[in-house]
């Protein structure tokens, strides 16, 4: 009886070790876990900037290795389309549809509310 429980415990231990090492290797080769967290943070910032109707500055690049371009304007975020965001450029008054996965950094300035007396 003791031999079978000992074998069973050793077998469980080896399964735990092998599964954890497989997860570690998978996360090492796949950066999607980190990018999912970053995308959620960027999405939250875009939603807040959209609701405040704030002037927003975005750093956009198609990949990490390419140089980022800076764009600014008012963000329009539609909950029905969570993969893209619309930026109304303040200089040219043109609209840009940007995939959220290409946005690297979001900054926004909250508009000042004047008191009406």
PDB file of N, CA and C in Angstrom:
ATOM      1  N   UNK A   1       0.810  -1.184   0.000  1.00  0.00           N
ATOM      2  CA  UNK A   1       0.000   0.000   0.000  1.00  0.00           C
ATOM      3  C   UNK A   1       0.862   1.259   0.000  1.00  0.00           C
ATOM      4  N   UNK A   2       1.905   1.261   0.834  1.00  0.00           N
ATOM      5  CA  UNK A   2       2.791   2.406   0.909  1.00  0.00           C
ATOM      6  C   UNK A   2       3.531   2.612  -0.408  1.00  0.00           C
ATOM      7  N   UNK A   3       3.895   1.509  -1.073  1.00  0.00           N
ATOM      8  CA  UNK A   3       4.628   1.594  -2.324  1.00  0.00           C
ATOM      9  C   UNK A   3       3.778   2.247  -3.412  1.00  0.00           C
ATOM     10  N   UNK A   4       2.504   1.899  -3.453  1.00  0.00           N
ATOM     11  CA  UNK A   4       1.633   2.460  -4.478  1.00  0.00           C
ATOM     12  C   UNK A   4       1.359   3.948  -4.234  1.00  0.00           C
ATOM     13  N   UNK A   5       1.204   4.333  -2.966  1.00  0.00           N
ATOM     14  CA  UNK A   5       0.988   5.756  -2.684  1.00  0.00           C
ATOM     15  C   UNK A   5       2.244   6.567  -2.963  1.00  0.00           C
ATOM     16  N   UNK A   6       3.400   5.979  -2.681  1.00  0.00           N
ATOM     17  CA  UNK A   6       4.669   6.652  -2.956  1.00  0.00           C
ATOM     18  C   UNK A   6       4.836   6.833  -4.467  1.00  0.00           C
ATOM     19  N   UNK A   7       4.527   5.816  -5.240  1.00  0.00           N
ATOM     20  CA  UNK A   7       4.626   5.896  -6.698  1.00  0.00           C
ATOM     21  C   UNK A   7       3.634   6.935  -7.220  1.00  0.00           C
ATOM     22  N   UNK A   8       2.463   6.940  -6.642  1.00  0.00           N
ATOM     23  CA  UNK A   8       1.436   7.890  -7.058  1.00  0.00           C
ATOM     24  C   UNK A   8       1.880   9.333  -6.774  1.00  0.00           C
ATOM     25  N   UNK A   9       2.494   9.559  -5.603  1.00  0.00           N
ATOM     26  CA  UNK A   9       2.976  10.893  -5.245  1.00  0.00           C
ATOM     27  C   UNK A   9       4.116  11.336  -6.160  1.00  0.00           C
ATOM     28  N   UNK A  10       5.008  10.424  -6.474  1.00  0.00           N
ATOM     29  CA  UNK A  10       6.130  10.747  -7.357  1.00  0.00           C
ATOM     30  C   UNK A  10       5.602  11.069  -8.762  1.00  0.00           C
ATOM     31  N   UNK A  11       4.626  10.301  -9.198  1.00  0.00           N
ATOM     32  CA  UNK A  11       4.031  10.531 -10.513  1.00  0.00           C
ATOM     33  C   UNK A  11       3.359  11.904 -10.569  1.00  0.00           C
ATOM     34  N   UNK A  12       2.645  12.265  -9.508  1.00  0.00           N
ATOM     35  CA  UNK A  12       2.003  13.584  -9.454  1.00  0.00           C
ATOM     36  C   UNK A  12       3.042  14.700  -9.468  1.00  0.00           C
ATOM     37  N   UNK A  13       4.116  14.508  -8.730  1.00  0.00           N
ATOM     38  CA  UNK A  13       5.177  15.505  -8.683  1.00  0.00           C
ATOM     39  C   UNK A  13       5.814  15.699 -10.054  1.00  0.00           C
ATOM     40  N   UNK A  14       6.097  14.623 -10.746  1.00  0.00           N
ATOM     41  CA  UNK A  14       6.699  14.748 -12.086  1.00  0.00           C
ATOM     42  C   UNK A  14       5.728  15.411 -13.068  1.00  0.00           C
ATOM     43  N   UNK A  15       4.443  15.145 -12.940  1.00  0.00           N
ATOM     44  CA  UNK A  15       3.462  15.796 -13.806  1.00  0.00           C
ATOM     45  C   UNK A  15       3.406  17.297 -13.539  1.00  0.00           C
ATOM     46  N   UNK A  16       3.462  17.672 -12.281  1.00  0.00           N
ATOM     47  CA  UNK A  16       3.438  19.097 -11.919  1.00  0.00           C
ATOM     48  C   UNK A  16       4.668  19.803 -12.460  1.00  0.00           C
ATOM     49  N   UNK A  17       5.819  19.172 -12.298  1.00  0.00           N
ATOM     50  CA  UNK A  17       7.065  19.775 -12.769  1.00  0.00           C
ATOM     51  C   UNK A  17       7.061  19.904 -14.286  1.00  0.00           C
ATOM     52  N   UNK A  18       6.636  18.866 -14.988  1.00  0.00           N
ATOM     53  CA  UNK A  18       6.647  18.922 -16.449  1.00  0.00           C
ATOM     54  C   UNK A  18       5.634  19.929 -16.978  1.00  0.00           C
ATOM     55  N   UNK A  19       4.460  20.014 -16.357  1.00  0.00           N
ATOM     56  CA  UNK A  19       3.463  20.976 -16.836  1.00  0.00           C
ATOM     57  C   UNK A  19       3.902  22.410 -16.560  1.00  0.00           C
ATOM     58  N   UNK A  20       4.536  22.643 -15.415  1.00  0.00           N
ATOM     59  CA  UNK A  20       5.000  23.999 -15.118  1.00  0.00           C
ATOM     60  C   UNK A  20       6.151  24.393 -16.038  1.00  0.00           C
ATOM     61  N   UNK A  21       7.024  23.474 -16.360  1.00  0.00           N
ATOM     62  CA  UNK A  21       8.116  23.802 -17.285  1.00  0.00           C
ATOM     63  C   UNK A  21       7.589  24.034 -18.692  1.00  0.00           C
ATOM     64  N   UNK A  22       6.553  23.314 -19.092  1.00  0.00           N
ATOM     65  CA  UNK A  22       5.947  23.535 -20.403  1.00  0.00           C
ATOM     66  C   UNK A  22       5.281  24.904 -20.466  1.00  0.00           C
ATOM     67  N   UNK A  23       4.594  25.275 -19.394  1.00  0.00           N
ATOM     68  CA  UNK A  23       3.974  26.607 -19.349  1.00  0.00           C
ATOM     69  C   UNK A  23       5.031  27.699 -19.382  1.00  0.00           C
ATOM     70  N   UNK A  24       6.131  27.474 -18.670  1.00  0.00           N
ATOM     71  CA  UNK A  24       7.215  28.461 -18.647  1.00  0.00           C
ATOM     72  C   UNK A  24       7.790  28.642 -20.043  1.00  0.00           C
ATOM     73  N   UNK A  25       8.069  27.555 -20.732  1.00  0.00           N
ATOM     74  CA  UNK A  25       8.612  27.645 -22.087  1.00  0.00           C
ATOM     75  C   UNK A  25       7.616  28.290 -23.046  1.00  0.00           C
ATOM     76  N   UNK A  26       6.359  27.948 -22.918  1.00  0.00           N
ATOM     77  CA  UNK A  26       5.339  28.536 -23.789  1.00  0.00           C
ATOM     78  C   UNK A  26       5.239  30.042 -23.558  1.00  0.00           C
ATOM     79  N   UNK A  27       5.284  30.479 -22.317  1.00  0.00           N
ATOM     80  CA  UNK A  27       5.218  31.916 -22.036  1.00  0.00           C
ATOM     81  C   UNK A  27       6.503  32.619 -22.455  1.00  0.00           C
ATOM     82  N   UNK A  28       7.624  31.919 -22.447  1.00  0.00           N
ATOM     83  CA  UNK A  28       8.888  32.509 -22.877  1.00  0.00           C
ATOM     84  C   UNK A  28       8.868  32.790 -24.369  1.00  0.00           C
ATOM     85  N   UNK A  29       8.323  31.861 -25.152  1.00  0.00           N
ATOM     86  CA  UNK A  29       8.281  32.032 -26.600  1.00  0.00           C
ATOM     87  C   UNK A  29       7.095  32.864 -27.061  1.00  0.00           C
ATOM     88  N   UNK A  30       6.064  32.982 -26.263  1.00  0.00           N
ATOM     89  CA  UNK A  30       4.864  33.705 -26.647  1.00  0.00           C
ATOM     90  C   UNK A  30       4.680  34.896 -25.718  1.00  0.00           C
ATOM     91  N   UNK A  31       4.772  36.105 -26.269  1.00  0.00           N
ATOM     92  CA  UNK A  31       4.631  37.318 -25.469  1.00  0.00           C
ATOM     93  C   UNK A  31       3.189  37.783 -25.374  1.00  0.00           C
ATOM     94  N   UNK A  32       2.249  36.966 -25.789  1.00  0.00           N
ATOM     95  CA  UNK A  32       0.861  37.402 -25.838  1.00  0.00           C
ATOM     96  C   UNK A  32       0.302  37.707 -24.450  1.00  0.00           C
ATOM     97  N   UNK A  33       0.788  37.060 -23.410  1.00  0.00           N
ATOM     98  CA  UNK A  33       0.292  37.330 -22.061  1.00  0.00           C
ATOM     99  C   UNK A  33       0.598  38.769 -21.661  1.00  0.00           C
ATOM    100  N   UNK A  34       1.803  39.193 -21.941  1.00  0.00           N
ATOM    101  CA  UNK A  34       2.193  40.558 -21.607  1.00  0.00           C
ATOM    102  C   UNK A  34       1.416  41.538 -22.473  1.00  0.00           C
ATOM    103  N   UNK A  35       1.321  41.263 -23.754  1.00  0.00           N
ATOM    104  CA  UNK A  35       0.645  42.197 -24.641  1.00  0.00           C
ATOM    105  C   UNK A  35      -0.846  42.263 -24.359  1.00  0.00           C
ATOM    106  N   UNK A  36      -1.447  41.175 -23.897  1.00  0.00           N
ATOM    107  CA  UNK A  36      -2.865  41.227 -23.548  1.00  0.00           C
ATOM    108  C   UNK A  36      -3.089  42.186 -22.387  1.00  0.00           C
ATOM    109  N   UNK A  37      -2.201  42.151 -21.400  1.00  0.00           N
ATOM    110  CA  UNK A  37      -2.321  43.070 -20.270  1.00  0.00           C
ATOM    111  C   UNK A  37      -2.119  44.513 -20.732  1.00  0.00           C
ATOM    112  N   UNK A  38      -1.136  44.726 -21.593  1.00  0.00           N
ATOM    113  CA  UNK A  38      -0.879  46.069 -22.100  1.00  0.00           C
ATOM    114  C   UNK A  38      -2.044  46.564 -22.946  1.00  0.00           C
ATOM    115  N   UNK A  39      -2.609  45.688 -23.773  1.00  0.00           N
ATOM    116  CA  UNK A  39      -3.749  46.073 -24.606  1.00  0.00           C
ATOM    117  C   UNK A  39      -4.958  46.446 -23.764  1.00  0.00           C
ATOM    118  N   UNK A  40      -5.190  45.725 -22.691  1.00  0.00           N
ATOM    119  CA  UNK A  40      -6.301  46.054 -21.801  1.00  0.00           C
ATOM    120  C   UNK A  40      -6.089  47.415 -21.141  1.00  0.00           C
ATOM    121  N   UNK A  41      -4.849  47.697 -20.749  1.00  0.00           N
ATOM    122  CA  UNK A  41      -4.537  48.985 -20.136  1.00  0.00           C
ATOM    123  C   UNK A  41      -4.729  50.114 -21.149  1.00  0.00           C
ATOM    124  N   UNK A  42      -4.259  49.911 -22.373  1.00  0.00           N
ATOM    125  CA  UNK A  42      -4.417  50.910 -23.425  1.00  0.00           C
ATOM    126  C   UNK A  42      -5.895  51.121 -23.734  1.00  0.00           C
ATOM    127  N   UNK A  43      -6.663  50.030 -23.788  1.00  0.00           N
ATOM    128  CA  UNK A  43      -8.090  50.124 -24.075  1.00  0.00           C
ATOM    129  C   UNK A  43      -8.811  50.922 -22.990  1.00  0.00           C
ATOM    130  N   UNK A  44      -8.458  50.692 -21.725  1.00  0.00           N
ATOM    131  CA  UNK A  44      -9.063  51.440 -20.624  1.00  0.00           C
ATOM    132  C   UNK A  44      -8.743  52.930 -20.735  1.00  0.00           C
ATOM    133  N   UNK A  45      -7.493  53.255 -21.082  1.00  0.00           N
ATOM    134  CA  UNK A  45      -7.107  54.656 -21.237  1.00  0.00           C
ATOM    135  C   UNK A  45      -7.854  55.303 -22.401  1.00  0.00           C
ATOM    136  N   UNK A  46      -8.038  54.567 -23.499  1.00  0.00           N
ATOM    137  CA  UNK A  46      -8.754  55.102 -24.654  1.00  0.00           C
ATOM    138  C   UNK A  46     -10.225  55.347 -24.326  1.00  0.00           C
ATOM    139  N   UNK A  47     -10.826  54.444 -23.577  1.00  0.00           N
ATOM    140  CA  UNK A  47     -12.226  54.614 -23.181  1.00  0.00           C
ATOM    141  C   UNK A  47     -12.377  55.850 -22.298  1.00  0.00           C
ATOM    142  N   UNK A  48     -11.458  56.031 -21.348  1.00  0.00           N
ATOM    143  CA  UNK A  48     -11.523  57.191 -20.462  1.00  0.00           C
ATOM    144  C   UNK A  48     -11.320  58.486 -21.238  1.00  0.00           C
ATOM    145  N   UNK A  49     -10.343  58.496 -22.162  1.00  0.00           N
ATOM    146  CA  UNK A  49     -10.095  59.690 -22.975  1.00  0.00           C
ATOM    147  C   UNK A  49     -11.289  60.003 -23.866  1.00  0.00           C
ATOM    148  N   UNK A  50     -11.953  58.970 -24.366  1.00  0.00           N
ATOM    149  CA  UNK A  50     -13.127  59.160 -25.216  1.00  0.00           C
ATOM    150  C   UNK A  50     -14.298  59.727 -24.426  1.00  0.00           C
ATOM    151  N   UNK A  51     -14.521  59.228 -23.224  1.00  0.00           N
ATOM    152  CA  UNK A  51     -15.644  59.724 -22.421  1.00  0.00           C
ATOM    153  C   UNK A  51     -15.403  61.159 -21.945  1.00  0.00           C
ATOM    154  N   UNK A  52     -14.137  61.519 -21.700  1.00  0.00           N
ATOM    155  CA  UNK A  52     -13.810  62.879 -21.274  1.00  0.00           C
ATOM    156  C   UNK A  52     -13.735  63.857 -22.447  1.00  0.00           C
ATOM    157  N   UNK A  53     -13.723  63.315 -23.678  1.00  0.00           N
ATOM    158  CA  UNK A  53     -13.524  64.112 -24.896  1.00  0.00           C
ATOM    159  C   UNK A  53     -12.243  64.930 -24.772  1.00  0.00           C
ATOM    160  N   UNK A  54     -11.199  64.251 -24.314  1.00  0.00           N
ATOM    161  CA  UNK A  54      -9.922  64.894 -24.049  1.00  0.00           C
ATOM    162  C   UNK A  54      -9.029  64.871 -25.283  1.00  0.00           C
ATOM    163  N   UNK A  55      -8.111  65.823 -25.336  1.00  0.00           N
ATOM    164  CA  UNK A  55      -7.084  65.800 -26.367  1.00  0.00           C
ATOM    165  C   UNK A  55      -6.129  64.666 -26.027  1.00  0.00           C
ATOM    166  N   UNK A  56      -5.921  63.762 -26.989  1.00  0.00           N
ATOM    167  CA  UNK A  56      -5.174  62.541 -26.736  1.00  0.00           C
ATOM    168  C   UNK A  56      -3.967  62.463 -27.654  1.00  0.00           C
ATOM    169  N   UNK A  57      -2.849  62.029 -27.098  1.00  0.00           N
ATOM    170  CA  UNK A  57      -1.625  61.819 -27.875  1.00  0.00           C
ATOM    171  C   UNK A  57      -1.368  60.320 -27.923  1.00  0.00           C
ATOM    172  N   UNK A  58      -1.183  59.780 -29.133  1.00  0.00           N
ATOM    173  CA  UNK A  58      -0.943  58.351 -29.321  1.00  0.00           C
ATOM    174  C   UNK A  58       0.394  58.133 -29.987  1.00  0.00           C
ATOM    175  N   UNK A  59       1.127  57.142 -29.518  1.00  0.00           N
ATOM    176  CA  UNK A  59       2.312  56.666 -30.214  1.00  0.00           C
ATOM    177  C   UNK A  59       1.911  55.385 -30.926  1.00  0.00           C
ATOM    178  N   UNK A  60       2.034  55.388 -32.252  1.00  0.00           N
ATOM    179  CA  UNK A  60       1.549  54.289 -33.068  1.00  0.00           C
ATOM    180  C   UNK A  60       2.691  53.720 -33.893  1.00  0.00           C
ATOM    181  N   UNK A  61       2.813  52.385 -33.900  1.00  0.00           N
ATOM    182  CA  UNK A  61       3.759  51.703 -34.793  1.00  0.00           C
ATOM    183  C   UNK A  61       3.215  50.312 -35.071  1.00  0.00           C
ATOM    184  N   UNK A  62       3.500  49.820 -36.281  1.00  0.00           N
ATOM    185  CA  UNK A  62       2.973  48.519 -36.675  1.00  0.00           C
ATOM    186  C   UNK A  62       3.683  47.369 -35.977  1.00  0.00           C
ATOM    187  N   UNK A  63       4.925  47.579 -35.586  1.00  0.00           N
ATOM    188  CA  UNK A  63       5.650  46.545 -34.846  1.00  0.00           C
ATOM    189  C   UNK A  63       6.575  47.215 -33.845  1.00  0.00           C
ATOM    190  N   UNK A  64       7.098  46.420 -32.950  1.00  0.00           N
ATOM    191  CA  UNK A  64       7.968  46.948 -31.898  1.00  0.00           C
ATOM    192  C   UNK A  64       9.275  47.476 -32.484  1.00  0.00           C
ATOM    193  N   UNK A  65       9.737  46.864 -33.565  1.00  0.00           N
ATOM    194  CA  UNK A  65      11.022  47.249 -34.144  1.00  0.00           C
ATOM    195  C   UNK A  65      10.937  48.512 -34.993  1.00  0.00           C
ATOM    196  N   UNK A  66       9.748  48.850 -35.497  1.00  0.00           N
ATOM    197  CA  UNK A  66       9.588  50.053 -36.315  1.00  0.00           C
ATOM    198  C   UNK A  66       9.470  51.286 -35.435  1.00  0.00           C
ATOM    199  N   UNK A  67       9.861  52.407 -36.004  1.00  0.00           N
ATOM    200  CA  UNK A  67       9.792  53.676 -35.288  1.00  0.00           C
ATOM    201  C   UNK A  67       8.331  54.109 -35.132  1.00  0.00           C
ATOM    202  N   UNK A  68       7.985  54.597 -33.960  1.00  0.00           N
ATOM    203  CA  UNK A  68       6.616  55.000 -33.670  1.00  0.00           C
ATOM    204  C   UNK A  68       6.356  56.412 -34.182  1.00  0.00           C
ATOM    205  N   UNK A  69       5.156  56.626 -34.710  1.00  0.00           N
ATOM    206  CA  UNK A  69       4.730  57.964 -35.105  1.00  0.00           C
ATOM    207  C   UNK A  69       3.797  58.498 -34.029  1.00  0.00           C
ATOM    208  N   UNK A  70       3.846  59.796 -33.823  1.00  0.00           N
ATOM    209  CA  UNK A  70       3.033  60.432 -32.803  1.00  0.00           C
ATOM    210  C   UNK A  70       1.869  61.148 -33.474  1.00  0.00           C
ATOM    211  N   UNK A  71       0.674  60.883 -32.984  1.00  0.00           N
ATOM    212  CA  UNK A  71      -0.541  61.506 -33.504  1.00  0.00           C
ATOM    213  C   UNK A  71      -1.324  62.056 -32.339  1.00  0.00           C
ATOM    214  N   UNK A  72      -2.054  63.148 -32.583  1.00  0.00           N
ATOM    215  CA  UNK A  72      -2.881  63.674 -31.496  1.00  0.00           C
ATOM    216  C   UNK A  72      -4.201  64.189 -32.044  1.00  0.00           C
ATOM    217  N   UNK A  73      -5.171  64.183 -31.170  1.00  0.00           N
ATOM    218  CA  UNK A  73      -6.512  64.625 -31.525  1.00  0.00           C
ATOM    219  C   UNK A  73      -7.510  64.098 -30.519  1.00  0.00           C
ATOM    220  N   UNK A  74      -8.764  64.011 -30.959  1.00  0.00           N
ATOM    221  CA  UNK A  74      -9.823  63.503 -30.090  1.00  0.00           C
ATOM    222  C   UNK A  74     -10.129  62.056 -30.466  1.00  0.00           C
ATOM    223  N   UNK A  75     -10.188  61.196 -29.457  1.00  0.00           N
ATOM    224  CA  UNK A  75     -10.421  59.768 -29.669  1.00  0.00           C
ATOM    225  C   UNK A  75     -11.915  59.480 -29.611  1.00  0.00           C
ATOM    226  N   UNK A  76     -12.357  58.644 -30.546  1.00  0.00           N
ATOM    227  CA  UNK A  76     -13.735  58.153 -30.529  1.00  0.00           C
ATOM    228  C   UNK A  76     -13.669  56.634 -30.448  1.00  0.00           C
ATOM    229  N   UNK A  77     -14.103  56.076 -29.340  1.00  0.00           N
ATOM    230  CA  UNK A  77     -14.050  54.637 -29.110  1.00  0.00           C
ATOM    231  C   UNK A  77     -15.459  54.084 -29.148  1.00  0.00           C
ATOM    232  N   UNK A  78     -15.666  53.079 -29.969  1.00  0.00           N
ATOM    233  CA  UNK A  78     -16.978  52.434 -30.080  1.00  0.00           C
ATOM    234  C   UNK A  78     -16.924  51.082 -29.379  1.00  0.00           C
ATOM    235  N   UNK A  79     -17.791  50.832 -28.412  1.00  0.00           N
ATOM    236  CA  UNK A  79     -17.780  49.538 -27.719  1.00  0.00           C
ATOM    237  C   UNK A  79     -18.139  48.362 -28.631  1.00  0.00           C
ATOM    238  N   UNK A  80     -18.806  48.646 -29.742  1.00  0.00           N
ATOM    239  CA  UNK A  80     -19.162  47.564 -30.668  1.00  0.00           C
ATOM    240  C   UNK A  80     -17.955  47.080 -31.458  1.00  0.00           C
ATOM    241  N   UNK A  81     -16.948  47.945 -31.610  1.00  0.00           N
ATOM    242  CA  UNK A  81     -15.733  47.571 -32.316  1.00  0.00           C
ATOM    243  C   UNK A  81     -14.555  47.809 -31.390  1.00  0.00           C
ATOM    244  N   UNK A  82     -14.175  46.796 -30.658  1.00  0.00           N
ATOM    245  CA  UNK A  82     -13.128  46.942 -29.635  1.00  0.00           C
ATOM    246  C   UNK A  82     -11.719  46.768 -30.183  1.00  0.00           C
ATOM    247  N   UNK A  83     -11.562  46.520 -31.470  1.00  0.00           N
ATOM    248  CA  UNK A  83     -10.229  46.301 -32.023  1.00  0.00           C
ATOM    249  C   UNK A  83      -9.641  47.547 -32.670  1.00  0.00           C
ATOM    250  N   UNK A  84     -10.490  48.526 -32.980  1.00  0.00           N
ATOM    251  CA  UNK A  84      -9.996  49.760 -33.595  1.00  0.00           C
ATOM    252  C   UNK A  84     -10.530  50.969 -32.846  1.00  0.00           C
ATOM    253  N   UNK A  85      -9.848  52.075 -33.055  1.00  0.00           N
ATOM    254  CA  UNK A  85     -10.240  53.341 -32.459  1.00  0.00           C
ATOM    255  C   UNK A  85     -10.148  54.403 -33.556  1.00  0.00           C
ATOM    256  N   UNK A  86     -10.993  55.407 -33.474  1.00  0.00           N
ATOM    257  CA  UNK A  86     -10.979  56.494 -34.459  1.00  0.00           C
ATOM    258  C   UNK A  86     -10.360  57.718 -33.798  1.00  0.00           C
ATOM    259  N   UNK A  87      -9.397  58.317 -34.485  1.00  0.00           N
ATOM    260  CA  UNK A  87      -8.738  59.522 -33.988  1.00  0.00           C
ATOM    261  C   UNK A  87      -9.044  60.655 -34.946  1.00  0.00           C
ATOM    262  N   UNK A  88      -9.644  61.730 -34.423  1.00  0.00           N
ATOM    263  CA  UNK A  88      -9.911  62.921 -35.225  1.00  0.00           C
ATOM    264  C   UNK A  88      -8.726  63.847 -35.048  1.00  0.00           C
ATOM    265  N   UNK A  89      -7.944  63.974 -36.101  1.00  0.00           N
ATOM    266  CA  UNK A  89      -6.728  64.785 -36.077  1.00  0.00           C
ATOM    267  C   UNK A  89      -7.103  66.255 -35.939  1.00  0.00           C
ATOM    268  N   UNK A  90      -6.506  66.949 -34.968  1.00  0.00           N
ATOM    269  CA  UNK A  90      -6.838  68.343 -34.719  1.00  0.00           C
ATOM    270  C   UNK A  90      -6.234  69.284 -35.750  1.00  0.00           C
ATOM    271  N   UNK A  91      -5.107  68.908 -36.348  1.00  0.00           N
ATOM    272  CA  UNK A  91      -4.480  69.779 -37.338  1.00  0.00           C
ATOM    273  C   UNK A  91      -5.207  69.741 -38.674  1.00  0.00           C
ATOM    274  N   UNK A  92      -5.448  68.544 -39.179  1.00  0.00           N
ATOM    275  CA  UNK A  92      -6.017  68.394 -40.516  1.00  0.00           C
ATOM    276  C   UNK A  92      -7.517  68.114 -40.507  1.00  0.00           C
ATOM    277  N   UNK A  93      -8.100  67.913 -39.351  1.00  0.00           N
ATOM    278  CA  UNK A  93      -9.522  67.575 -39.201  1.00  0.00           C
ATOM    279  C   UNK A  93      -9.877  66.290 -39.959  1.00  0.00           C
ATOM    280  N   UNK A  94      -8.898  65.417 -40.133  1.00  0.00           N
ATOM    281  CA  UNK A  94      -9.156  64.140 -40.800  1.00  0.00           C
ATOM    282  C   UNK A  94      -9.352  63.044 -39.760  1.00  0.00           C
ATOM    283  N   UNK A  95      -9.972  61.950 -40.181  1.00  0.00           N
ATOM    284  CA  UNK A  95     -10.213  60.821 -39.299  1.00  0.00           C
ATOM    285  C   UNK A  95      -9.242  59.694 -39.628  1.00  0.00           C
ATOM    286  N   UNK A  96      -8.707  59.060 -38.593  1.00  0.00           N
ATOM    287  CA  UNK A  96      -7.798  57.922 -38.752  1.00  0.00           C
ATOM    288  C   UNK A  96      -8.362  56.744 -37.981  1.00  0.00           C
ATOM    289  N   UNK A  97      -8.499  55.606 -38.644  1.00  0.00           N
ATOM    290  CA  UNK A  97      -8.893  54.371 -37.959  1.00  0.00           C
ATOM    291  C   UNK A  97      -7.611  53.623 -37.610  1.00  0.00           C
ATOM    292  N   UNK A  98      -7.383  53.424 -36.325  1.00  0.00           N
ATOM    293  CA  UNK A  98      -6.146  52.801 -35.859  1.00  0.00           C
ATOM    294  C   UNK A  98      -6.456  51.507 -35.119  1.00  0.00           C
ATOM    295  N   UNK A  99      -5.794  50.407 -35.489  1.00  0.00           N
ATOM    296  CA  UNK A  99      -5.944  49.182 -34.698  1.00  0.00           C
ATOM    297  C   UNK A  99      -5.314  49.385 -33.319  1.00  0.00           C
ATOM    298  N   UNK A 100      -5.991  48.942 -32.295  1.00  0.00           N
ATOM    299  CA  UNK A 100      -5.496  49.126 -30.934  1.00  0.00           C
ATOM    300  C   UNK A 100      -4.180  48.388 -30.721  1.00  0.00           C
ATOM    301  N   UNK A 101      -3.976  47.282 -31.424  1.00  0.00           N
ATOM    302  CA  UNK A 101      -2.730  46.528 -31.248  1.00  0.00           C
ATOM    303  C   UNK A 101      -1.508  47.284 -31.776  1.00  0.00           C
ATOM    304  N   UNK A 102      -1.710  48.352 -32.574  1.00  0.00           N
ATOM    305  CA  UNK A 102      -0.591  49.154 -33.078  1.00  0.00           C
ATOM    306  C   UNK A 102      -0.270  50.338 -32.178  1.00  0.00           C
ATOM    307  N   UNK A 103      -1.125  50.603 -31.199  1.00  0.00           N
ATOM    308  CA  UNK A 103      -0.905  51.729 -30.284  1.00  0.00           C
ATOM    309  C   UNK A 103       0.053  51.295 -29.182  1.00  0.00           C
ATOM    310  N   UNK A 104       1.128  52.043 -29.016  1.00  0.00           N
ATOM    311  CA  UNK A 104       2.151  51.701 -28.017  1.00  0.00           C
ATOM    312  C   UNK A 104       1.978  52.479 -26.716  1.00  0.00           C
ATOM    313  N   UNK A 105       1.518  53.736 -26.815  1.00  0.00           N
ATOM    314  CA  UNK A 105       1.398  54.546 -25.610  1.00  0.00           C
ATOM    315  C   UNK A 105       0.261  55.547 -25.790  1.00  0.00           C
ATOM    316  N   UNK A 106      -0.468  55.803 -24.704  1.00  0.00           N
ATOM    317  CA  UNK A 106      -1.590  56.742 -24.713  1.00  0.00           C
ATOM    318  C   UNK A 106      -1.366  57.786 -23.624  1.00  0.00           C
ATOM    319  N   UNK A 107      -1.521  59.055 -23.998  1.00  0.00           N
ATOM    320  CA  UNK A 107      -1.505  60.155 -23.032  1.00  0.00           C
ATOM    321  C   UNK A 107      -2.657  61.070 -23.382  1.00  0.00           C
ATOM    322  N   UNK A 108      -3.295  61.624 -22.377  1.00  0.00           N
ATOM    323  CA  UNK A 108      -4.383  62.552 -22.655  1.00  0.00           C
ATOM    324  C   UNK A 108      -4.406  63.664 -21.630  1.00  0.00           C
ATOM    325  N   UNK A 109      -4.949  64.794 -22.069  1.00  0.00           N
ATOM    326  CA  UNK A 109      -5.081  65.974 -21.214  1.00  0.00           C
ATOM    327  C   UNK A 109      -6.570  66.164 -20.947  1.00  0.00           C
ATOM    328  N   UNK A 110      -6.926  66.152 -19.686  1.00  0.00           N
ATOM    329  CA  UNK A 110      -8.326  66.344 -19.342  1.00  0.00           C
ATOM    330  C   UNK A 110      -8.720  67.791 -19.610  1.00  0.00           C
ATOM    331  N   UNK A 111      -9.882  67.990 -20.227  1.00  0.00           N
ATOM    332  CA  UNK A 111     -10.305  69.356 -20.521  1.00  0.00           C
ATOM    333  C   UNK A 111     -10.653  70.100 -19.225  1.00  0.00           C
ATOM    334  N   UNK A 112     -10.399  71.402 -19.238  1.00  0.00           N
ATOM    335  CA  UNK A 112     -10.709  72.232 -18.071  1.00  0.00           C
ATOM    336  C   UNK A 112     -12.176  72.617 -18.121  1.00  0.00           C
ATOM    337  N   UNK A 113     -12.880  72.434 -17.032  1.00  0.00           N
ATOM    338  CA  UNK A 113     -14.273  72.811 -16.943  1.00  0.00           C
ATOM    339  C   UNK A 113     -14.360  74.188 -16.254  1.00  0.00           C
ATOM    340  N   UNK A 114     -14.905  75.132 -16.965  1.00  0.00           N
ATOM    341  CA  UNK A 114     -15.038  76.461 -16.355  1.00  0.00           C
ATOM    342  C   UNK A 114     -16.334  76.523 -15.562  1.00  0.00           C
ATOM    343  N   UNK A 115     -16.303  77.262 -14.503  1.00  0.00           N
ATOM    344  CA  UNK A 115     -17.494  77.408 -13.656  1.00  0.00           C
ATOM    345  C   UNK A 115     -18.390  78.491 -14.250  1.00  0.00           C
ATOM    346  N   UNK A 116     -19.645  78.168 -14.334  1.00  0.00           N
ATOM    347  CA  UNK A 116     -20.624  79.134 -14.830  1.00  0.00           C
ATOM    348  C   UNK A 116     -21.341  79.717 -13.623  1.00  0.00           C
ATOM    349  N   UNK A 117     -21.268  81.027 -13.488  1.00  0.00           N
ATOM    350  CA  UNK A 117     -21.915  81.632 -12.321  1.00  0.00           C
ATOM    351  C   UNK A 117     -23.155  82.405 -12.697  1.00  0.00           C
TER     352      UNK A 117
END
